[in-house]
């Protein structure tokens, strides 16, 4: 079991990381829930963002999960990009072994 303040410390570190890295790139959308982040950014800036995130604090390494077609699973949702550019969430059901 970790320290009672470990969650707070992790939150503070991630906020500092976001402030340091994200302010210059200005993504169209940046959402975070605990340690899962959903980002909408121009394709040409995606790799640059990934490199900057991983370079800011080498002990914290981010991974990228790209969309399959126009659908990206995030937490328990599927986020679909519609033809007009809007995002449409729906419930994501993971396969289970019954």
PDB file of N, CA and C in Angstrom:
ATOM      1  N   UNK A   1       0.846  -1.175   0.000  1.00  0.00           N
ATOM      2  CA  UNK A   1       0.000   0.000   0.000  1.00  0.00           C
ATOM      3  C   UNK A   1       0.889   1.234   0.000  1.00  0.00           C
ATOM      4  N   UNK A   2       0.574   2.200  -0.834  1.00  0.00           N
ATOM      5  CA  UNK A   2       1.369   3.416  -0.926  1.00  0.00           C
ATOM      6  C   UNK A   2       0.971   4.441   0.116  1.00  0.00           C
ATOM      7  N   UNK A   3       1.668   5.521   0.060  1.00  0.00           N
ATOM      8  CA  UNK A   3       1.408   6.625   0.982  1.00  0.00           C
ATOM      9  C   UNK A   3       0.041   7.243   0.701  1.00  0.00           C
ATOM     10  N   UNK A   4      -0.635   7.744   1.726  1.00  0.00           N
ATOM     11  CA  UNK A   4      -1.937   8.387   1.516  1.00  0.00           C
ATOM     12  C   UNK A   4      -1.859   9.627   0.621  1.00  0.00           C
ATOM     13  N   UNK A   5      -0.668  10.213   0.502  1.00  0.00           N
ATOM     14  CA  UNK A   5      -0.561  11.415  -0.334  1.00  0.00           C
ATOM     15  C   UNK A   5       0.015  11.122  -1.722  1.00  0.00           C
ATOM     16  N   UNK A   6       0.231   9.851  -2.051  1.00  0.00           N
ATOM     17  CA  UNK A   6       0.838   9.522  -3.343  1.00  0.00           C
ATOM     18  C   UNK A   6      -0.039   9.958  -4.515  1.00  0.00           C
ATOM     19  N   UNK A   7      -1.354   9.826  -4.394  1.00  0.00           N
ATOM     20  CA  UNK A   7      -2.251  10.273  -5.464  1.00  0.00           C
ATOM     21  C   UNK A   7      -2.160  11.768  -5.690  1.00  0.00           C
ATOM     22  N   UNK A   8      -2.105  12.527  -4.606  1.00  0.00           N
ATOM     23  CA  UNK A   8      -1.970  13.976  -4.700  1.00  0.00           C
ATOM     24  C   UNK A   8      -0.642  14.359  -5.339  1.00  0.00           C
ATOM     25  N   UNK A   9       0.435  13.703  -4.936  1.00  0.00           N
ATOM     26  CA  UNK A   9       1.744  13.998  -5.519  1.00  0.00           C
ATOM     27  C   UNK A   9       1.775  13.672  -7.010  1.00  0.00           C
ATOM     28  N   UNK A  10       1.181  12.543  -7.396  1.00  0.00           N
ATOM     29  CA  UNK A  10       1.121  12.179  -8.813  1.00  0.00           C
ATOM     30  C   UNK A  10       0.333  13.218  -9.598  1.00  0.00           C
ATOM     31  N   UNK A  11      -0.765  13.686  -9.039  1.00  0.00           N
ATOM     32  CA  UNK A  11      -1.574  14.721  -9.693  1.00  0.00           C
ATOM     33  C   UNK A  11      -0.763  15.999  -9.889  1.00  0.00           C
ATOM     34  N   UNK A  12      -0.024  16.407  -8.869  1.00  0.00           N
ATOM     35  CA  UNK A  12       0.791  17.621  -8.968  1.00  0.00           C
ATOM     36  C   UNK A  12       1.878  17.484 -10.028  1.00  0.00           C
ATOM     37  N   UNK A  13       2.522  16.336 -10.089  1.00  0.00           N
ATOM     38  CA  UNK A  13       3.565  16.110 -11.096  1.00  0.00           C
ATOM     39  C   UNK A  13       2.968  16.166 -12.492  1.00  0.00           C
ATOM     40  N   UNK A  14       1.821  15.514 -12.697  1.00  0.00           N
ATOM     41  CA  UNK A  14       1.193  15.524 -14.019  1.00  0.00           C
ATOM     42  C   UNK A  14       0.737  16.924 -14.409  1.00  0.00           C
ATOM     43  N   UNK A  15       0.252  17.710 -13.452  1.00  0.00           N
ATOM     44  CA  UNK A  15      -0.134  19.089 -13.764  1.00  0.00           C
ATOM     45  C   UNK A  15       1.076  19.906 -14.186  1.00  0.00           C
ATOM     46  N   UNK A  16       2.202  19.760 -13.496  1.00  0.00           N
ATOM     47  CA  UNK A  16       3.421  20.477 -13.861  1.00  0.00           C
ATOM     48  C   UNK A  16       3.899  20.058 -15.243  1.00  0.00           C
ATOM     49  N   UNK A  17       3.829  18.762 -15.513  1.00  0.00           N
ATOM     50  CA  UNK A  17       4.232  18.239 -16.813  1.00  0.00           C
ATOM     51  C   UNK A  17       3.374  18.843 -17.912  1.00  0.00           C
ATOM     52  N   UNK A  18       2.061  18.860 -17.706  1.00  0.00           N
ATOM     53  CA  UNK A  18       1.152  19.431 -18.698  1.00  0.00           C
ATOM     54  C   UNK A  18       1.455  20.905 -18.934  1.00  0.00           C
ATOM     55  N   UNK A  19       1.657  21.659 -17.859  1.00  0.00           N
ATOM     56  CA  UNK A  19       1.956  23.084 -18.001  1.00  0.00           C
ATOM     57  C   UNK A  19       3.230  23.296 -18.810  1.00  0.00           C
ATOM     58  N   UNK A  20       4.248  22.508 -18.554  1.00  0.00           N
ATOM     59  CA  UNK A  20       5.537  22.675 -19.215  1.00  0.00           C
ATOM     60  C   UNK A  20       5.500  22.286 -20.686  1.00  0.00           C
ATOM     61  N   UNK A  21       4.749  21.273 -21.029  1.00  0.00           N
ATOM     62  CA  UNK A  21       4.787  20.714 -22.378  1.00  0.00           C
ATOM     63  C   UNK A  21       3.660  21.213 -23.266  1.00  0.00           C
ATOM     64  N   UNK A  22       2.463  21.284 -22.727  1.00  0.00           N
ATOM     65  CA  UNK A  22       1.277  21.517 -23.550  1.00  0.00           C
ATOM     66  C   UNK A  22       1.102  22.974 -23.950  1.00  0.00           C
ATOM     67  N   UNK A  23       1.566  23.899 -23.135  1.00  0.00           N
ATOM     68  CA  UNK A  23       1.277  25.308 -23.397  1.00  0.00           C
ATOM     69  C   UNK A  23       1.781  25.782 -24.755  1.00  0.00           C
ATOM     70  N   UNK A  24       2.895  25.249 -25.243  1.00  0.00           N
ATOM     71  CA  UNK A  24       3.430  25.682 -26.532  1.00  0.00           C
ATOM     72  C   UNK A  24       2.773  24.986 -27.717  1.00  0.00           C
ATOM     73  N   UNK A  25       2.218  23.814 -27.515  1.00  0.00           N
ATOM     74  CA  UNK A  25       1.625  23.062 -28.624  1.00  0.00           C
ATOM     75  C   UNK A  25       0.150  23.376 -28.822  1.00  0.00           C
ATOM     76  N   UNK A  26      -0.523  23.767 -27.784  1.00  0.00           N
ATOM     77  CA  UNK A  26      -1.938  24.133 -27.837  1.00  0.00           C
ATOM     78  C   UNK A  26      -2.805  23.110 -28.579  1.00  0.00           C
ATOM     79  N   UNK A  27      -2.984  21.939 -27.994  1.00  0.00           N
ATOM     80  CA  UNK A  27      -3.860  20.952 -28.627  1.00  0.00           C
ATOM     81  C   UNK A  27      -5.298  21.458 -28.672  1.00  0.00           C
ATOM     82  N   UNK A  28      -6.061  20.928 -29.606  1.00  0.00           N
ATOM     83  CA  UNK A  28      -7.471  21.320 -29.724  1.00  0.00           C
ATOM     84  C   UNK A  28      -8.267  20.858 -28.509  1.00  0.00           C
ATOM     85  N   UNK A  29      -7.863  19.730 -27.922  1.00  0.00           N
ATOM     86  CA  UNK A  29      -8.551  19.185 -26.751  1.00  0.00           C
ATOM     87  C   UNK A  29      -7.542  18.406 -25.919  1.00  0.00           C
ATOM     88  N   UNK A  30      -7.581  18.611 -24.594  1.00  0.00           N
ATOM     89  CA  UNK A  30      -6.718  17.877 -23.663  1.00  0.00           C
ATOM     90  C   UNK A  30      -7.571  17.508 -22.462  1.00  0.00           C
ATOM     91  N   UNK A  31      -7.859  16.224 -22.287  1.00  0.00           N
ATOM     92  CA  UNK A  31      -8.646  15.737 -21.153  1.00  0.00           C
ATOM     93  C   UNK A  31      -7.839  14.671 -20.433  1.00  0.00           C
ATOM     94  N   UNK A  32      -7.847  14.714 -19.107  1.00  0.00           N
ATOM     95  CA  UNK A  32      -7.132  13.702 -18.346  1.00  0.00           C
ATOM     96  C   UNK A  32      -8.007  13.206 -17.214  1.00  0.00           C
ATOM     97  N   UNK A  33      -8.002  11.880 -17.024  1.00  0.00           N
ATOM     98  CA  UNK A  33      -8.642  11.250 -15.878  1.00  0.00           C
ATOM     99  C   UNK A  33      -7.574  10.382 -15.224  1.00  0.00           C
ATOM    100  N   UNK A  34      -7.131  10.764 -14.057  1.00  0.00           N
ATOM    101  CA  UNK A  34      -6.050  10.121 -13.316  1.00  0.00           C
ATOM    102  C   UNK A  34      -4.803  10.090 -14.203  1.00  0.00           C
ATOM    103  N   UNK A  35      -4.456   8.940 -14.789  1.00  0.00           N
ATOM    104  CA  UNK A  35      -3.264   8.885 -15.638  1.00  0.00           C
ATOM    105  C   UNK A  35      -3.597   8.539 -17.085  1.00  0.00           C
ATOM    106  N   UNK A  36      -4.849   8.662 -17.474  1.00  0.00           N
ATOM    107  CA  UNK A  36      -5.271   8.466 -18.860  1.00  0.00           C
ATOM    108  C   UNK A  36      -5.566   9.828 -19.466  1.00  0.00           C
ATOM    109  N   UNK A  37      -4.965  10.108 -20.612  1.00  0.00           N
ATOM    110  CA  UNK A  37      -5.113  11.413 -21.248  1.00  0.00           C
ATOM    111  C   UNK A  37      -5.669  11.234 -22.649  1.00  0.00           C
ATOM    112  N   UNK A  38      -6.625  12.070 -23.011  1.00  0.00           N
ATOM    113  CA  UNK A  38      -7.225  12.085 -24.344  1.00  0.00           C
ATOM    114  C   UNK A  38      -6.850  13.410 -24.983  1.00  0.00           C
ATOM    115  N   UNK A  39      -6.169  13.353 -26.126  1.00  0.00           N
ATOM    116  CA  UNK A  39      -5.671  14.571 -26.766  1.00  0.00           C
ATOM    117  C   UNK A  39      -6.123  14.603 -28.216  1.00  0.00           C
ATOM    118  N   UNK A  40      -6.619  15.756 -28.650  1.00  0.00           N
ATOM    119  CA  UNK A  40      -6.884  16.002 -30.065  1.00  0.00           C
ATOM    120  C   UNK A  40      -5.871  17.044 -30.502  1.00  0.00           C
ATOM    121  N   UNK A  41      -5.017  16.657 -31.445  1.00  0.00           N
ATOM    122  CA  UNK A  41      -3.940  17.524 -31.911  1.00  0.00           C
ATOM    123  C   UNK A  41      -3.717  17.240 -33.392  1.00  0.00           C
ATOM    124  N   UNK A  42      -3.176  18.198 -34.116  1.00  0.00           N
ATOM    125  CA  UNK A  42      -2.865  17.979 -35.526  1.00  0.00           C
ATOM    126  C   UNK A  42      -1.904  16.805 -35.662  1.00  0.00           C
ATOM    127  N   UNK A  43      -2.095  15.988 -36.704  1.00  0.00           N
ATOM    128  CA  UNK A  43      -1.246  14.811 -36.914  1.00  0.00           C
ATOM    129  C   UNK A  43       0.231  15.154 -36.922  1.00  0.00           C
ATOM    130  N   UNK A  44       0.585  16.269 -37.536  1.00  0.00           N
ATOM    131  CA  UNK A  44       1.997  16.628 -37.649  1.00  0.00           C
ATOM    132  C   UNK A  44       2.616  16.967 -36.297  1.00  0.00           C
ATOM    133  N   UNK A  45       1.814  17.278 -35.285  1.00  0.00           N
ATOM    134  CA  UNK A  45       2.348  17.624 -33.973  1.00  0.00           C
ATOM    135  C   UNK A  45       2.269  16.471 -32.973  1.00  0.00           C
ATOM    136  N   UNK A  46       1.641  15.373 -33.335  1.00  0.00           N
ATOM    137  CA  UNK A  46       1.460  14.255 -32.419  1.00  0.00           C
ATOM    138  C   UNK A  46       2.768  13.653 -31.935  1.00  0.00           C
ATOM    139  N   UNK A  47       3.684  13.378 -32.853  1.00  0.00           N
ATOM    140  CA  UNK A  47       4.970  12.786 -32.468  1.00  0.00           C
ATOM    141  C   UNK A  47       5.799  13.776 -31.656  1.00  0.00           C
ATOM    142  N   UNK A  48       5.740  15.040 -32.021  1.00  0.00           N
ATOM    143  CA  UNK A  48       6.466  16.071 -31.267  1.00  0.00           C
ATOM    144  C   UNK A  48       5.959  16.142 -29.823  1.00  0.00           C
ATOM    145  N   UNK A  49       4.645  16.096 -29.652  1.00  0.00           N
ATOM    146  CA  UNK A  49       4.059  16.108 -28.311  1.00  0.00           C
ATOM    147  C   UNK A  49       4.522  14.893 -27.514  1.00  0.00           C
ATOM    148  N   UNK A  50       4.489  13.723 -28.144  1.00  0.00           N
ATOM    149  CA  UNK A  50       4.900  12.487 -27.478  1.00  0.00           C
ATOM    150  C   UNK A  50       6.359  12.575 -27.021  1.00  0.00           C
ATOM    151  N   UNK A  51       7.238  13.060 -27.884  1.00  0.00           N
ATOM    152  CA  UNK A  51       8.656  13.199 -27.534  1.00  0.00           C
ATOM    153  C   UNK A  51       8.853  14.188 -26.390  1.00  0.00           C
ATOM    154  N   UNK A  52       8.127  15.289 -26.413  1.00  0.00           N
ATOM    155  CA  UNK A  52       8.269  16.293 -25.356  1.00  0.00           C
ATOM    156  C   UNK A  52       7.744  15.774 -24.019  1.00  0.00           C
ATOM    157  N   UNK A  53       6.632  15.051 -24.043  1.00  0.00           N
ATOM    158  CA  UNK A  53       6.098  14.476 -22.805  1.00  0.00           C
ATOM    159  C   UNK A  53       7.092  13.488 -22.193  1.00  0.00           C
ATOM    160  N   UNK A  54       7.636  12.605 -23.028  1.00  0.00           N
ATOM    161  CA  UNK A  54       8.565  11.597 -22.520  1.00  0.00           C
ATOM    162  C   UNK A  54       9.918  12.187 -22.144  1.00  0.00           C
ATOM    163  N   UNK A  55      10.280  13.318 -22.728  1.00  0.00           N
ATOM    164  CA  UNK A  55      11.555  13.951 -22.416  1.00  0.00           C
ATOM    165  C   UNK A  55      11.520  14.835 -21.184  1.00  0.00           C
ATOM    166  N   UNK A  56      10.341  15.301 -20.792  1.00  0.00           N
ATOM    167  CA  UNK A  56      10.230  16.241 -19.671  1.00  0.00           C
ATOM    168  C   UNK A  56      10.605  15.582 -18.345  1.00  0.00           C
ATOM    169  N   UNK A  57      10.079  14.411 -18.091  1.00  0.00           N
ATOM    170  CA  UNK A  57      10.401  13.633 -16.890  1.00  0.00           C
ATOM    171  C   UNK A  57      10.693  12.210 -17.357  1.00  0.00           C
ATOM    172  N   UNK A  58      11.950  11.863 -17.579  1.00  0.00           N
ATOM    173  CA  UNK A  58      12.269  10.540 -18.134  1.00  0.00           C
ATOM    174  C   UNK A  58      11.721   9.358 -17.328  1.00  0.00           C
ATOM    175  N   UNK A  59      11.443   9.542 -16.051  1.00  0.00           N
ATOM    176  CA  UNK A  59      10.895   8.447 -15.248  1.00  0.00           C
ATOM    177  C   UNK A  59       9.432   8.172 -15.581  1.00  0.00           C
ATOM    178  N   UNK A  60       8.774   9.117 -16.246  1.00  0.00           N
ATOM    179  CA  UNK A  60       7.373   8.956 -16.645  1.00  0.00           C
ATOM    180  C   UNK A  60       7.343   8.836 -18.162  1.00  0.00           C
ATOM    181  N   UNK A  61       6.899   7.704 -18.682  1.00  0.00           N
ATOM    182  CA  UNK A  61       6.854   7.488 -20.117  1.00  0.00           C
ATOM    183  C   UNK A  61       5.407   7.323 -20.577  1.00  0.00           C
ATOM    184  N   UNK A  62       5.032   8.100 -21.576  1.00  0.00           N
ATOM    185  CA  UNK A  62       3.689   8.069 -22.135  1.00  0.00           C
ATOM    186  C   UNK A  62       3.657   7.116 -23.320  1.00  0.00           C
ATOM    187  N   UNK A  63       2.506   6.515 -23.546  1.00  0.00           N
ATOM    188  CA  UNK A  63       2.287   5.689 -24.731  1.00  0.00           C
ATOM    189  C   UNK A  63       1.175   6.328 -25.546  1.00  0.00           C
ATOM    190  N   UNK A  64       1.143   6.001 -26.822  1.00  0.00           N
ATOM    191  CA  UNK A  64       0.111   6.535 -27.717  1.00  0.00           C
ATOM    192  C   UNK A  64      -0.730   5.374 -28.223  1.00  0.00           C
ATOM    193  N   UNK A  65      -2.032   5.555 -28.175  1.00  0.00           N
ATOM    194  CA  UNK A  65      -2.954   4.605 -28.792  1.00  0.00           C
ATOM    195  C   UNK A  65      -3.725   5.378 -29.844  1.00  0.00           C
ATOM    196  N   UNK A  66      -3.503   5.032 -31.094  1.00  0.00           N
ATOM    197  CA  UNK A  66      -4.179   5.730 -32.176  1.00  0.00           C
ATOM    198  C   UNK A  66      -5.557   5.164 -32.443  1.00  0.00           C
ATOM    199  N   UNK A  67      -6.297   5.883 -33.231  1.00  0.00           N
ATOM    200  CA  UNK A  67      -7.645   5.460 -33.596  1.00  0.00           C
ATOM    201  C   UNK A  67      -7.591   4.315 -34.598  1.00  0.00           C
ATOM    202  N   UNK A  68      -8.605   3.471 -34.560  1.00  0.00           N
ATOM    203  CA  UNK A  68      -8.815   2.456 -35.581  1.00  0.00           C
ATOM    204  C   UNK A  68      -9.949   2.973 -36.448  1.00  0.00           C
ATOM    205  N   UNK A  69      -9.614   3.320 -37.670  1.00  0.00           N
ATOM    206  CA  UNK A  69     -10.594   4.019 -38.498  1.00  0.00           C
ATOM    207  C   UNK A  69     -10.798   5.391 -37.899  1.00  0.00           C
ATOM    208  N   UNK A  70     -12.005   5.696 -37.515  1.00  0.00           N
ATOM    209  CA  UNK A  70     -12.277   6.987 -36.872  1.00  0.00           C
ATOM    210  C   UNK A  70     -12.775   6.800 -35.436  1.00  0.00           C
ATOM    211  N   UNK A  71     -12.449   5.641 -34.826  1.00  0.00           N
ATOM    212  CA  UNK A  71     -12.900   5.338 -33.460  1.00  0.00           C
ATOM    213  C   UNK A  71     -11.695   5.069 -32.563  1.00  0.00           C
ATOM    214  N   UNK A  72     -11.719   5.703 -31.386  1.00  0.00           N
ATOM    215  CA  UNK A  72     -10.656   5.519 -30.403  1.00  0.00           C
ATOM    216  C   UNK A  72     -11.272   5.141 -29.067  1.00  0.00           C
ATOM    217  N   UNK A  73     -10.926   3.965 -28.505  1.00  0.00           N
ATOM    218  CA  UNK A  73     -11.412   3.640 -27.167  1.00  0.00           C
ATOM    219  C   UNK A  73     -10.685   4.484 -26.124  1.00  0.00           C
ATOM    220  N   UNK A  74     -11.441   5.043 -25.183  1.00  0.00           N
ATOM    221  CA  UNK A  74     -10.864   5.822 -24.090  1.00  0.00           C
ATOM    222  C   UNK A  74     -11.675   5.532 -22.840  1.00  0.00           C
ATOM    223  N   UNK A  75     -11.007   4.992 -21.821  1.00  0.00           N
ATOM    224  CA  UNK A  75     -11.668   4.538 -20.601  1.00  0.00           C
ATOM    225  C   UNK A  75     -12.756   3.552 -20.996  1.00  0.00           C
ATOM    226  N   UNK A  76     -14.005   3.788 -20.663  1.00  0.00           N
ATOM    227  CA  UNK A  76     -15.081   2.860 -21.026  1.00  0.00           C
ATOM    228  C   UNK A  76     -15.942   3.389 -22.163  1.00  0.00           C
ATOM    229  N   UNK A  77     -15.383   4.268 -22.968  1.00  0.00           N
ATOM    230  CA  UNK A  77     -16.106   4.850 -24.097  1.00  0.00           C
ATOM    231  C   UNK A  77     -15.360   4.598 -25.392  1.00  0.00           C
ATOM    232  N   UNK A  78     -16.096   4.661 -26.484  1.00  0.00           N
ATOM    233  CA  UNK A  78     -15.519   4.784 -27.817  1.00  0.00           C
ATOM    234  C   UNK A  78     -15.774   6.217 -28.237  1.00  0.00           C
ATOM    235  N   UNK A  79     -14.759   6.890 -28.704  1.00  0.00           N
ATOM    236  CA  UNK A  79     -14.927   8.253 -29.191  1.00  0.00           C
ATOM    237  C   UNK A  79     -14.763   8.205 -30.700  1.00  0.00           C
ATOM    238  N   UNK A  80     -15.819   8.603 -31.405  1.00  0.00           N
ATOM    239  CA  UNK A  80     -15.822   8.566 -32.862  1.00  0.00           C
ATOM    240  C   UNK A  80     -15.754   9.982 -33.403  1.00  0.00           C
ATOM    241  N   UNK A  81     -14.889  10.180 -34.397  1.00  0.00           N
ATOM    242  CA  UNK A  81     -14.834  11.471 -35.080  1.00  0.00           C
ATOM    243  C   UNK A  81     -15.808  11.406 -36.251  1.00  0.00           C
ATOM    244  N   UNK A  82     -16.781  12.311 -36.230  1.00  0.00           N
ATOM    245  CA  UNK A  82     -17.799  12.352 -37.273  1.00  0.00           C
ATOM    246  C   UNK A  82     -17.276  13.107 -38.491  1.00  0.00           C
ATOM    247  N   UNK A  83     -17.992  13.008 -39.598  1.00  0.00           N
ATOM    248  CA  UNK A  83     -17.543  13.645 -40.841  1.00  0.00           C
ATOM    249  C   UNK A  83     -17.454  15.161 -40.729  1.00  0.00           C
ATOM    250  N   UNK A  84     -18.215  15.766 -39.801  1.00  0.00           N
ATOM    251  CA  UNK A  84     -18.145  17.220 -39.622  1.00  0.00           C
ATOM    252  C   UNK A  84     -17.056  17.628 -38.625  1.00  0.00           C
ATOM    253  N   UNK A  85     -16.260  16.644 -38.137  1.00  0.00           N
ATOM    254  CA  UNK A  85     -15.168  16.938 -37.213  1.00  0.00           C
ATOM    255  C   UNK A  85     -15.544  16.862 -35.748  1.00  0.00           C
ATOM    256  N   UNK A  86     -16.826  16.739 -35.448  1.00  0.00           N
ATOM    257  CA  UNK A  86     -17.257  16.645 -34.050  1.00  0.00           C
ATOM    258  C   UNK A  86     -16.938  15.259 -33.498  1.00  0.00           C
ATOM    259  N   UNK A  87     -16.846  15.179 -32.168  1.00  0.00           N
ATOM    260  CA  UNK A  87     -16.584  13.912 -31.498  1.00  0.00           C
ATOM    261  C   UNK A  87     -17.870  13.375 -30.889  1.00  0.00           C
ATOM    262  N   UNK A  88     -18.104  12.073 -31.052  1.00  0.00           N
ATOM    263  CA  UNK A  88     -19.314  11.439 -30.545  1.00  0.00           C
ATOM    264  C   UNK A  88     -18.933  10.241 -29.669  1.00  0.00           C
ATOM    265  N   UNK A  89     -19.227  10.311 -28.360  1.00  0.00           N
ATOM    266  CA  UNK A  89     -18.896   9.187 -27.478  1.00  0.00           C
ATOM    267  C   UNK A  89     -19.992   8.126 -27.471  1.00  0.00           C
ATOM    268  N   UNK A  90     -19.602   6.894 -27.242  1.00  0.00           N
ATOM    269  CA  UNK A  90     -20.552   5.802 -27.031  1.00  0.00           C
ATOM    270  C   UNK A  90     -19.904   4.813 -26.064  1.00  0.00           C
ATOM    271  N   UNK A  91     -20.710   3.968 -25.451  1.00  0.00           N
ATOM    272  CA  UNK A  91     -20.203   3.010 -24.470  1.00  0.00           C
ATOM    273  C   UNK A  91     -19.332   1.977 -25.170  1.00  0.00           C
ATOM    274  N   UNK A  92     -18.166   1.712 -24.598  1.00  0.00           N
ATOM    275  CA  UNK A  92     -17.228   0.720 -25.124  1.00  0.00           C
ATOM    276  C   UNK A  92     -17.354  -0.550 -24.294  1.00  0.00           C
ATOM    277  N   UNK A  93     -17.754  -1.628 -24.918  1.00  0.00           N
ATOM    278  CA  UNK A  93     -17.891  -2.902 -24.218  1.00  0.00           C
ATOM    279  C   UNK A  93     -16.678  -3.772 -24.551  1.00  0.00           C
ATOM    280  N   UNK A  94     -15.905  -4.085 -23.531  1.00  0.00           N
ATOM    281  CA  UNK A  94     -14.747  -4.954 -23.726  1.00  0.00           C
ATOM    282  C   UNK A  94     -15.211  -6.397 -23.785  1.00  0.00           C
ATOM    283  N   UNK A  95     -14.528  -7.197 -24.623  1.00  0.00           N
ATOM    284  CA  UNK A  95     -14.835  -8.620 -24.687  1.00  0.00           C
ATOM    285  C   UNK A  95     -14.540  -9.254 -23.340  1.00  0.00           C
ATOM    286  N   UNK A  96     -15.395 -10.183 -22.934  1.00  0.00           N
ATOM    287  CA  UNK A  96     -15.155 -10.890 -21.672  1.00  0.00           C
ATOM    288  C   UNK A  96     -15.125 -12.384 -21.946  1.00  0.00           C
ATOM    289  N   UNK A  97     -14.394 -13.082 -21.136  1.00  0.00           N
ATOM    290  CA  UNK A  97     -14.344 -14.542 -21.236  1.00  0.00           C
ATOM    291  C   UNK A  97     -15.308 -15.118 -20.222  1.00  0.00           C
ATOM    292  N   UNK A  98     -16.488 -15.487 -20.678  1.00  0.00           N
ATOM    293  CA  UNK A  98     -17.515 -16.021 -19.766  1.00  0.00           C
ATOM    294  C   UNK A  98     -17.327 -17.477 -19.509  1.00  0.00           C
TER     295      UNK A  98
END
